[in-house]
PDB file of N, CA and C in Angstrom:
ATOM      1  N   MET A   1     -37.808 -19.218 -12.113  1.00  0.00           N
ATOM      2  CA  MET A   1     -38.423 -18.923 -13.395  1.00  0.00           C
ATOM      3  C   MET A   1     -37.427 -18.122 -14.242  1.00  0.00           C
ATOM      4  N   THR A   2     -37.143 -18.606 -15.418  1.00  0.00           N
ATOM      5  CA  THR A   2     -36.210 -17.932 -16.301  1.00  0.00           C
ATOM      6  C   THR A   2     -36.971 -17.156 -17.362  1.00  0.00           C
ATOM      7  N   MET A   3     -36.343 -16.081 -17.789  1.00  0.00           N
ATOM      8  CA  MET A   3     -36.963 -15.252 -18.828  1.00  0.00           C
ATOM      9  C   MET A   3     -36.397 -15.653 -20.179  1.00  0.00           C
ATOM     10  N   SER A   4     -37.258 -15.683 -21.173  1.00  0.00           N
ATOM     11  CA  SER A   4     -36.809 -16.012 -22.516  1.00  0.00           C
ATOM     12  C   SER A   4     -36.155 -14.784 -23.149  1.00  0.00           C
ATOM     13  N   GLY A   5     -35.472 -15.019 -24.221  1.00  0.00           N
ATOM     14  CA  GLY A   5     -34.827 -13.921 -24.932  1.00  0.00           C
ATOM     15  C   GLY A   5     -35.821 -12.908 -25.462  1.00  0.00           C
ATOM     16  N   LEU A   6     -36.992 -13.397 -25.826  1.00  0.00           N
ATOM     17  CA  LEU A   6     -38.045 -12.510 -26.329  1.00  0.00           C
ATOM     18  C   LEU A   6     -38.545 -11.579 -25.230  1.00  0.00           C
ATOM     19  N   GLU A   7     -38.685 -12.115 -24.022  1.00  0.00           N
ATOM     20  CA  GLU A   7     -39.129 -11.287 -22.903  1.00  0.00           C
ATOM     21  C   GLU A   7     -38.085 -10.239 -22.528  1.00  0.00           C
ATOM     22  N   ILE A   8     -36.822 -10.608 -22.591  1.00  0.00           N
ATOM     23  CA  ILE A   8     -35.755  -9.655 -22.300  1.00  0.00           C
ATOM     24  C   ILE A   8     -35.728  -8.552 -23.352  1.00  0.00           C
ATOM     25  N   ALA A   9     -35.844  -8.927 -24.618  1.00  0.00           N
ATOM     26  CA  ALA A   9     -35.859  -7.932 -25.695  1.00  0.00           C
ATOM     27  C   ALA A   9     -37.063  -7.010 -25.566  1.00  0.00           C
ATOM     28  N   ALA A  10     -38.213  -7.561 -25.213  1.00  0.00           N
ATOM     29  CA  ALA A  10     -39.409  -6.741 -25.035  1.00  0.00           C
ATOM     30  C   ALA A  10     -39.248  -5.805 -23.848  1.00  0.00           C
ATOM     31  N   GLY A  11     -38.618  -6.273 -22.783  1.00  0.00           N
ATOM     32  CA  GLY A  11     -38.368  -5.416 -21.625  1.00  0.00           C
ATOM     33  C   GLY A  11     -37.459  -4.257 -21.961  1.00  0.00           C
ATOM     34  N   VAL A  12     -36.410  -4.540 -22.732  1.00  0.00           N
ATOM     35  CA  VAL A  12     -35.503  -3.471 -23.176  1.00  0.00           C
ATOM     36  C   VAL A  12     -36.246  -2.487 -24.063  1.00  0.00           C
ATOM     37  N   LEU A  13     -37.091  -2.987 -24.944  1.00  0.00           N
ATOM     38  CA  LEU A  13     -37.886  -2.119 -25.823  1.00  0.00           C
ATOM     39  C   LEU A  13     -38.853  -1.252 -25.019  1.00  0.00           C
ATOM     40  N   LEU A  14     -39.442  -1.816 -23.974  1.00  0.00           N
ATOM     41  CA  LEU A  14     -40.335  -1.046 -23.113  1.00  0.00           C
ATOM     42  C   LEU A  14     -39.587   0.075 -22.388  1.00  0.00           C
ATOM     43  N   ILE A  15     -38.404  -0.223 -21.903  1.00  0.00           N
ATOM     44  CA  ILE A  15     -37.607   0.802 -21.230  1.00  0.00           C
ATOM     45  C   ILE A  15     -37.235   1.916 -22.198  1.00  0.00           C
ATOM     46  N   LEU A  16     -36.808   1.545 -23.403  1.00  0.00           N
ATOM     47  CA  LEU A  16     -36.449   2.556 -24.403  1.00  0.00           C
ATOM     48  C   LEU A  16     -37.648   3.404 -24.811  1.00  0.00           C
ATOM     49  N   ALA A  17     -38.800   2.754 -25.024  1.00  0.00           N
ATOM     50  CA  ALA A  17     -39.994   3.501 -25.409  1.00  0.00           C
ATOM     51  C   ALA A  17     -40.429   4.452 -24.306  1.00  0.00           C
ATOM     52  N   SER A  18     -40.330   4.016 -23.050  1.00  0.00           N
ATOM     53  CA  SER A  18     -40.728   4.902 -21.959  1.00  0.00           C
ATOM     54  C   SER A  18     -39.772   6.081 -21.827  1.00  0.00           C
ATOM     55  N   LEU A  19     -38.477   5.853 -22.026  1.00  0.00           N
ATOM     56  CA  LEU A  19     -37.518   6.962 -21.981  1.00  0.00           C
ATOM     57  C   LEU A  19     -37.756   7.951 -23.121  1.00  0.00           C
ATOM     58  N   VAL A  20     -38.074   7.430 -24.307  1.00  0.00           N
ATOM     59  CA  VAL A  20     -38.368   8.302 -25.444  1.00  0.00           C
ATOM     60  C   VAL A  20     -39.605   9.139 -25.166  1.00  0.00           C
ATOM     61  N   ILE A  21     -40.632   8.527 -24.618  1.00  0.00           N
ATOM     62  CA  ILE A  21     -41.854   9.270 -24.305  1.00  0.00           C
ATOM     63  C   ILE A  21     -41.557  10.381 -23.305  1.00  0.00           C
ATOM     64  N   ILE A  22     -40.809  10.064 -22.260  1.00  0.00           N
ATOM     65  CA  ILE A  22     -40.484  11.070 -21.245  1.00  0.00           C
ATOM     66  C   ILE A  22     -39.699  12.218 -21.850  1.00  0.00           C
ATOM     67  N   LEU A  23     -38.664  11.906 -22.631  1.00  0.00           N
ATOM     68  CA  LEU A  23     -37.826  12.961 -23.197  1.00  0.00           C
ATOM     69  C   LEU A  23     -38.583  13.833 -24.201  1.00  0.00           C
ATOM     70  N   VAL A  24     -39.388  13.213 -25.055  1.00  0.00           N
ATOM     71  CA  VAL A  24     -40.105  13.977 -26.071  1.00  0.00           C
ATOM     72  C   VAL A  24     -41.165  14.872 -25.426  1.00  0.00           C
ATOM     73  N   VAL A  25     -41.829  14.379 -24.396  1.00  0.00           N
ATOM     74  CA  VAL A  25     -42.830  15.203 -23.716  1.00  0.00           C
ATOM     75  C   VAL A  25     -42.161  16.380 -23.006  1.00  0.00           C
ATOM     76  N   LEU A  26     -40.994  16.157 -22.437  1.00  0.00           N
ATOM     77  CA  LEU A  26     -40.292  17.252 -21.774  1.00  0.00           C
ATOM     78  C   LEU A  26     -39.807  18.316 -22.757  1.00  0.00           C
ATOM     79  N   VAL A  27     -39.489  17.923 -23.973  1.00  0.00           N
ATOM     80  CA  VAL A  27     -38.990  18.869 -24.971  1.00  0.00           C
ATOM     81  C   VAL A  27     -40.123  19.712 -25.565  1.00  0.00           C
ATOM     82  N   GLN A  28     -41.337  19.173 -25.602  1.00  0.00           N
ATOM     83  CA  GLN A  28     -42.460  19.890 -26.204  1.00  0.00           C
ATOM     84  C   GLN A  28     -42.819  21.137 -25.406  1.00  0.00           C
ATOM     85  N   GLU A  29     -43.305  22.140 -26.135  1.00  0.00           N
ATOM     86  CA  GLU A  29     -43.781  23.349 -25.484  1.00  0.00           C
ATOM     87  C   GLU A  29     -45.206  23.127 -24.997  1.00  0.00           C
ATOM     88  N   SER A  30     -45.583  23.875 -23.975  1.00  0.00           N
ATOM     89  CA  SER A  30     -46.926  23.761 -23.416  1.00  0.00           C
ATOM     90  C   SER A  30     -47.947  24.339 -24.386  1.00  0.00           C
ATOM     91  N   LYS A  31     -49.070  23.669 -24.528  1.00  0.00           N
ATOM     92  CA  LYS A  31     -50.128  24.147 -25.409  1.00  0.00           C
ATOM     93  C   LYS A  31     -51.122  25.021 -24.657  1.00  0.00           C
ATOM     94  N   GLU A  32     -50.899  25.212 -23.375  1.00  0.00           N
ATOM     95  CA  GLU A  32     -51.798  26.010 -22.555  1.00  0.00           C
ATOM     96  C   GLU A  32     -51.644  27.484 -22.904  1.00  0.00           C
ATOM     97  N   GLN A  33     -52.738  28.125 -23.261  1.00  0.00           N
ATOM     98  CA  GLN A  33     -52.728  29.527 -23.648  1.00  0.00           C
ATOM     99  C   GLN A  33     -53.010  30.449 -22.464  1.00  0.00           C
ATOM    100  N   GLY A  34     -53.547  29.902 -21.396  1.00  0.00           N
ATOM    101  CA  GLY A  34     -53.840  30.702 -20.224  1.00  0.00           C
ATOM    102  C   GLY A  34     -55.186  31.391 -20.319  1.00  0.00           C
ATOM    103  N   LEU A  35     -55.340  32.460 -19.558  1.00  0.00           N
ATOM    104  CA  LEU A  35     -56.604  33.160 -19.454  1.00  0.00           C
ATOM    105  C   LEU A  35     -56.966  33.892 -20.743  1.00  0.00           C
ATOM    106  N   THR A  36     -55.996  34.336 -21.504  1.00  0.00           N
ATOM    107  CA  THR A  36     -56.301  35.056 -22.749  1.00  0.00           C
ATOM    108  C   THR A  36     -57.011  34.159 -23.749  1.00  0.00           C
ATOM    109  N   SER A  37     -56.678  32.893 -23.773  1.00  0.00           N
ATOM    110  CA  SER A  37     -57.348  31.957 -24.673  1.00  0.00           C
ATOM    111  C   SER A  37     -58.783  31.693 -24.230  1.00  0.00           C
ATOM    112  N   ALA A  38     -58.994  31.623 -22.924  1.00  0.00           N
ATOM    113  CA  ALA A  38     -60.340  31.369 -22.411  1.00  0.00           C
ATOM    114  C   ALA A  38     -61.272  32.543 -22.690  1.00  0.00           C
ATOM    115  N   ILE A  39     -60.764  33.759 -22.578  1.00  0.00           N
ATOM    116  CA  ILE A  39     -61.598  34.947 -22.791  1.00  0.00           C
ATOM    117  C   ILE A  39     -61.749  35.253 -24.279  1.00  0.00           C
ATOM    118  N   GLY A  40     -60.624  35.221 -25.001  1.00  0.00           N
ATOM    119  CA  GLY A  40     -60.636  35.618 -26.399  1.00  0.00           C
ATOM    120  C   GLY A  40     -60.979  34.513 -27.368  1.00  0.00           C
ATOM    121  N   GLY A  41     -61.001  33.291 -26.940  1.00  0.00           N
ATOM    122  CA  GLY A  41     -61.354  32.189 -27.827  1.00  0.00           C
ATOM    123  C   GLY A  41     -60.157  31.463 -28.390  1.00  0.00           C
ATOM    124  N   GLY A  42     -58.988  32.072 -28.410  1.00  0.00           N
ATOM    125  CA  GLY A  42     -57.776  31.395 -28.863  1.00  0.00           C
ATOM    126  C   GLY A  42     -57.836  30.958 -30.309  1.00  0.00           C
ATOM    127  N   SER A  43     -58.027  31.883 -31.223  1.00  0.00           N
ATOM    128  CA  SER A  43     -58.152  31.570 -32.643  1.00  0.00           C
ATOM    129  C   SER A  43     -56.822  31.140 -33.235  1.00  0.00           C
ATOM    130  N   ASN A  44     -56.842  30.147 -34.104  1.00  0.00           N
ATOM    131  CA  ASN A  44     -55.650  29.668 -34.791  1.00  0.00           C
ATOM    132  C   ASN A  44     -55.691  30.034 -36.273  1.00  0.00           C
ATOM    133  N   GLU A  45     -56.163  31.202 -36.596  1.00  0.00           N
ATOM    134  CA  GLU A  45     -56.282  31.604 -37.993  1.00  0.00           C
ATOM    135  C   GLU A  45     -55.024  32.258 -38.529  1.00  0.00           C
ATOM    136  N   SER A  46     -53.944  32.239 -37.769  1.00  0.00           N
ATOM    137  CA  SER A  46     -52.691  32.820 -38.242  1.00  0.00           C
ATOM    138  C   SER A  46     -51.991  31.832 -39.173  1.00  0.00           C
ATOM    139  N   PHE A  47     -50.919  32.289 -39.786  1.00  0.00           N
ATOM    140  CA  PHE A  47     -50.125  31.424 -40.651  1.00  0.00           C
ATOM    141  C   PHE A  47     -49.583  30.244 -39.860  1.00  0.00           C
ATOM    142  N   TYR A  48     -49.150  30.514 -38.636  1.00  0.00           N
ATOM    143  CA  TYR A  48     -48.617  29.465 -37.777  1.00  0.00           C
ATOM    144  C   TYR A  48     -49.694  28.429 -37.457  1.00  0.00           C
ATOM    145  N   GLY A  49     -50.910  28.858 -37.213  1.00  0.00           N
ATOM    146  CA  GLY A  49     -52.001  27.943 -36.884  1.00  0.00           C
ATOM    147  C   GLY A  49     -52.392  27.065 -38.057  1.00  0.00           C
ATOM    148  N   ARG A  50     -52.372  27.630 -39.264  1.00  0.00           N
ATOM    149  CA  ARG A  50     -52.748  26.842 -40.447  1.00  0.00           C
ATOM    150  C   ARG A  50     -51.674  25.847 -40.845  1.00  0.00           C
ATOM    151  N   ASN A  51     -50.419  26.150 -40.551  1.00  0.00           N
ATOM    152  CA  ASN A  51     -49.313  25.269 -40.938  1.00  0.00           C
ATOM    153  C   ASN A  51     -48.732  24.535 -39.740  1.00  0.00           C
ATOM    154  N   SER A  52     -49.559  24.259 -38.750  1.00  0.00           N
ATOM    155  CA  SER A  52     -49.047  23.648 -37.528  1.00  0.00           C
ATOM    156  C   SER A  52     -48.600  22.202 -37.740  1.00  0.00           C
ATOM    157  N   GLY A  53     -49.017  21.556 -38.808  1.00  0.00           N
ATOM    158  CA  GLY A  53     -48.609  20.180 -39.072  1.00  0.00           C
ATOM    159  C   GLY A  53     -47.160  20.039 -39.452  1.00  0.00           C
ATOM    160  N   ARG A  54     -46.532  21.122 -39.863  1.00  0.00           N
ATOM    161  CA  ARG A  54     -45.137  21.065 -40.299  1.00  0.00           C
ATOM    162  C   ARG A  54     -44.171  21.611 -39.256  1.00  0.00           C
ATOM    163  N   THR A  55     -44.669  22.046 -38.126  1.00  0.00           N
ATOM    164  CA  THR A  55     -43.804  22.646 -37.120  1.00  0.00           C
ATOM    165  C   THR A  55     -43.085  21.584 -36.305  1.00  0.00           C
ATOM    166  N   ARG A  56     -42.118  22.026 -35.547  1.00  0.00           N
ATOM    167  CA  ARG A  56     -41.336  21.145 -34.700  1.00  0.00           C
ATOM    168  C   ARG A  56     -42.222  20.484 -33.645  1.00  0.00           C
ATOM    169  N   ASP A  57     -43.118  21.273 -33.055  1.00  0.00           N
ATOM    170  CA  ASP A  57     -43.999  20.715 -32.029  1.00  0.00           C
ATOM    171  C   ASP A  57     -44.951  19.669 -32.605  1.00  0.00           C
ATOM    172  N   ALA A  58     -45.399  19.870 -33.822  1.00  0.00           N
ATOM    173  CA  ALA A  58     -46.286  18.886 -34.440  1.00  0.00           C
ATOM    174  C   ALA A  58     -45.539  17.578 -34.689  1.00  0.00           C
ATOM    175  N   LYS A  59     -44.289  17.676 -35.094  1.00  0.00           N
ATOM    176  CA  LYS A  59     -43.489  16.470 -35.308  1.00  0.00           C
ATOM    177  C   LYS A  59     -43.213  15.760 -33.989  1.00  0.00           C
ATOM    178  N   LEU A  60     -42.930  16.531 -32.936  1.00  0.00           N
ATOM    179  CA  LEU A  60     -42.712  15.927 -31.625  1.00  0.00           C
ATOM    180  C   LEU A  60     -43.987  15.268 -31.104  1.00  0.00           C
ATOM    181  N   SER A  61     -45.118  15.900 -31.354  1.00  0.00           N
ATOM    182  CA  SER A  61     -46.398  15.330 -30.931  1.00  0.00           C
ATOM    183  C   SER A  61     -46.674  14.015 -31.655  1.00  0.00           C
ATOM    184  N   ARG A  62     -46.408  13.990 -32.937  1.00  0.00           N
ATOM    185  CA  ARG A  62     -46.599  12.764 -33.719  1.00  0.00           C
ATOM    186  C   ARG A  62     -45.660  11.662 -33.227  1.00  0.00           C
ATOM    187  N   PHE A  63     -44.414  12.041 -32.919  1.00  0.00           N
ATOM    188  CA  PHE A  63     -43.436  11.077 -32.422  1.00  0.00           C
ATOM    189  C   PHE A  63     -43.856  10.524 -31.065  1.00  0.00           C
ATOM    190  N   THR A  64     -44.447  11.378 -30.230  1.00  0.00           N
ATOM    191  CA  THR A  64     -44.951  10.936 -28.931  1.00  0.00           C
ATOM    192  C   THR A  64     -46.060   9.913 -29.107  1.00  0.00           C
ATOM    193  N   LYS A  65     -46.963  10.161 -30.045  1.00  0.00           N
ATOM    194  CA  LYS A  65     -48.056   9.222 -30.292  1.00  0.00           C
ATOM    195  C   LYS A  65     -47.534   7.873 -30.775  1.00  0.00           C
ATOM    196  N   ILE A  66     -46.552   7.908 -31.654  1.00  0.00           N
ATOM    197  CA  ILE A  66     -45.977   6.662 -32.170  1.00  0.00           C
ATOM    198  C   ILE A  66     -45.293   5.886 -31.054  1.00  0.00           C
ATOM    199  N   ALA A  67     -44.530   6.575 -30.203  1.00  0.00           N
ATOM    200  CA  ALA A  67     -43.844   5.908 -29.095  1.00  0.00           C
ATOM    201  C   ALA A  67     -44.847   5.334 -28.097  1.00  0.00           C
ATOM    202  N   ALA A  68     -45.948   6.039 -27.869  1.00  0.00           N
ATOM    203  CA  ALA A  68     -46.978   5.534 -26.948  1.00  0.00           C
ATOM    204  C   ALA A  68     -47.653   4.290 -27.518  1.00  0.00           C
ATOM    205  N   ILE A  69     -47.890   4.276 -28.816  1.00  0.00           N
ATOM    206  CA  ILE A  69     -48.493   3.105 -29.451  1.00  0.00           C
ATOM    207  C   ILE A  69     -47.543   1.902 -29.366  1.00  0.00           C
ATOM    208  N   VAL A  70     -46.263   2.134 -29.617  1.00  0.00           N
ATOM    209  CA  VAL A  70     -45.270   1.055 -29.511  1.00  0.00           C
ATOM    210  C   VAL A  70     -45.235   0.521 -28.079  1.00  0.00           C
ATOM    211  N   PHE A  71     -45.236   1.425 -27.105  1.00  0.00           N
ATOM    212  CA  PHE A  71     -45.229   1.028 -25.699  1.00  0.00           C
ATOM    213  C   PHE A  71     -46.446   0.167 -25.368  1.00  0.00           C
ATOM    214  N   PHE A  72     -47.623   0.593 -25.812  1.00  0.00           N
ATOM    215  CA  PHE A  72     -48.864  -0.129 -25.540  1.00  0.00           C
ATOM    216  C   PHE A  72     -48.860  -1.508 -26.194  1.00  0.00           C
ATOM    217  N   VAL A  73     -48.457  -1.581 -27.445  1.00  0.00           N
ATOM    218  CA  VAL A  73     -48.468  -2.857 -28.172  1.00  0.00           C
ATOM    219  C   VAL A  73     -47.459  -3.835 -27.572  1.00  0.00           C
ATOM    220  N   VAL A  74     -46.267  -3.351 -27.239  1.00  0.00           N
ATOM    221  CA  VAL A  74     -45.256  -4.238 -26.659  1.00  0.00           C
ATOM    222  C   VAL A  74     -45.702  -4.727 -25.285  1.00  0.00           C
ATOM    223  N   THR A  75     -46.345  -3.851 -24.505  1.00  0.00           N
ATOM    224  CA  THR A  75     -46.848  -4.265 -23.198  1.00  0.00           C
ATOM    225  C   THR A  75     -47.891  -5.370 -23.336  1.00  0.00           C
ATOM    226  N   LEU A  76     -48.813  -5.205 -24.263  1.00  0.00           N
ATOM    227  CA  LEU A  76     -49.816  -6.248 -24.499  1.00  0.00           C
ATOM    228  C   LEU A  76     -49.163  -7.549 -24.966  1.00  0.00           C
ATOM    229  N   ALA A  77     -48.188  -7.442 -25.861  1.00  0.00           N
ATOM    230  CA  ALA A  77     -47.515  -8.637 -26.376  1.00  0.00           C
ATOM    231  C   ALA A  77     -46.778  -9.374 -25.272  1.00  0.00           C
ATOM    232  N   VAL A  78     -46.107  -8.651 -24.388  1.00  0.00           N
ATOM    233  CA  VAL A  78     -45.389  -9.297 -23.288  1.00  0.00           C
ATOM    234  C   VAL A  78     -46.363 -10.003 -22.355  1.00  0.00           C
ATOM    235  N   ASN A  79     -47.480  -9.357 -22.069  1.00  0.00           N
ATOM    236  CA  ASN A  79     -48.474  -9.996 -21.198  1.00  0.00           C
ATOM    237  C   ASN A  79     -49.054 -11.245 -21.834  1.00  0.00           C
ATOM    238  N   ILE A  80     -49.333 -11.208 -23.118  1.00  0.00           N
ATOM    239  CA  ILE A  80     -49.888 -12.378 -23.814  1.00  0.00           C
ATOM    240  C   ILE A  80     -48.865 -13.500 -23.857  1.00  0.00           C
ATOM    241  N   ILE A  81     -47.614 -13.166 -24.168  1.00  0.00           N
ATOM    242  CA  ILE A  81     -46.563 -14.178 -24.240  1.00  0.00           C
ATOM    243  C   ILE A  81     -46.325 -14.819 -22.875  1.00  0.00           C
ATOM    244  N   SER A  82     -46.289 -14.007 -21.830  1.00  0.00           N
ATOM    245  CA  SER A  82     -46.036 -14.571 -20.495  1.00  0.00           C
ATOM    246  C   SER A  82     -47.211 -15.411 -20.005  1.00  0.00           C
ATOM    247  N   SER A  83     -48.448 -15.063 -20.404  1.00  0.00           N
ATOM    248  CA  SER A  83     -49.591 -15.868 -19.988  1.00  0.00           C
ATOM    249  C   SER A  83     -49.658 -17.184 -20.759  1.00  0.00           C
ATOM    250  N   ILE A  84     -49.181 -17.212 -21.981  1.00  0.00           N
ATOM    251  CA  ILE A  84     -49.160 -18.440 -22.766  1.00  0.00           C
ATOM    252  C   ILE A  84     -48.103 -19.412 -22.223  1.00  0.00           C
ATOM    253  N   GLN A  85     -46.971 -18.874 -21.776  1.00  0.00           N
ATOM    254  CA  GLN A  85     -45.888 -19.725 -21.294  1.00  0.00           C
ATOM    255  C   GLN A  85     -46.179 -20.334 -19.930  1.00  0.00           C
ATOM    256  N   LYS A  86     -47.136 -19.830 -19.197  1.00  0.00           N
ATOM    257  CA  LYS A  86     -47.441 -20.372 -17.864  1.00  0.00           C
ATOM    258  C   LYS A  86     -48.274 -21.570 -17.946  1.00  0.00           C
TER     259      LYS A  86
END
């Protein structure tokens, strides 16, 4: 069974997307506040909490979501293409 060029390109894209997801998740800081958040409620009323959409972690989180969506869509496309060719 030979693989088409489209399947090879999709496989390469899947590998790249998975590497991006791994690297971006490793770079992100932990959102776990620990016991102080559980007892005190963990309020985000500070300047940092209100402007969290512009921070580095927010951008990394958004990038992670985009890479996960690309990974999911390409995986579905490869499965559909391979089932049609059989």
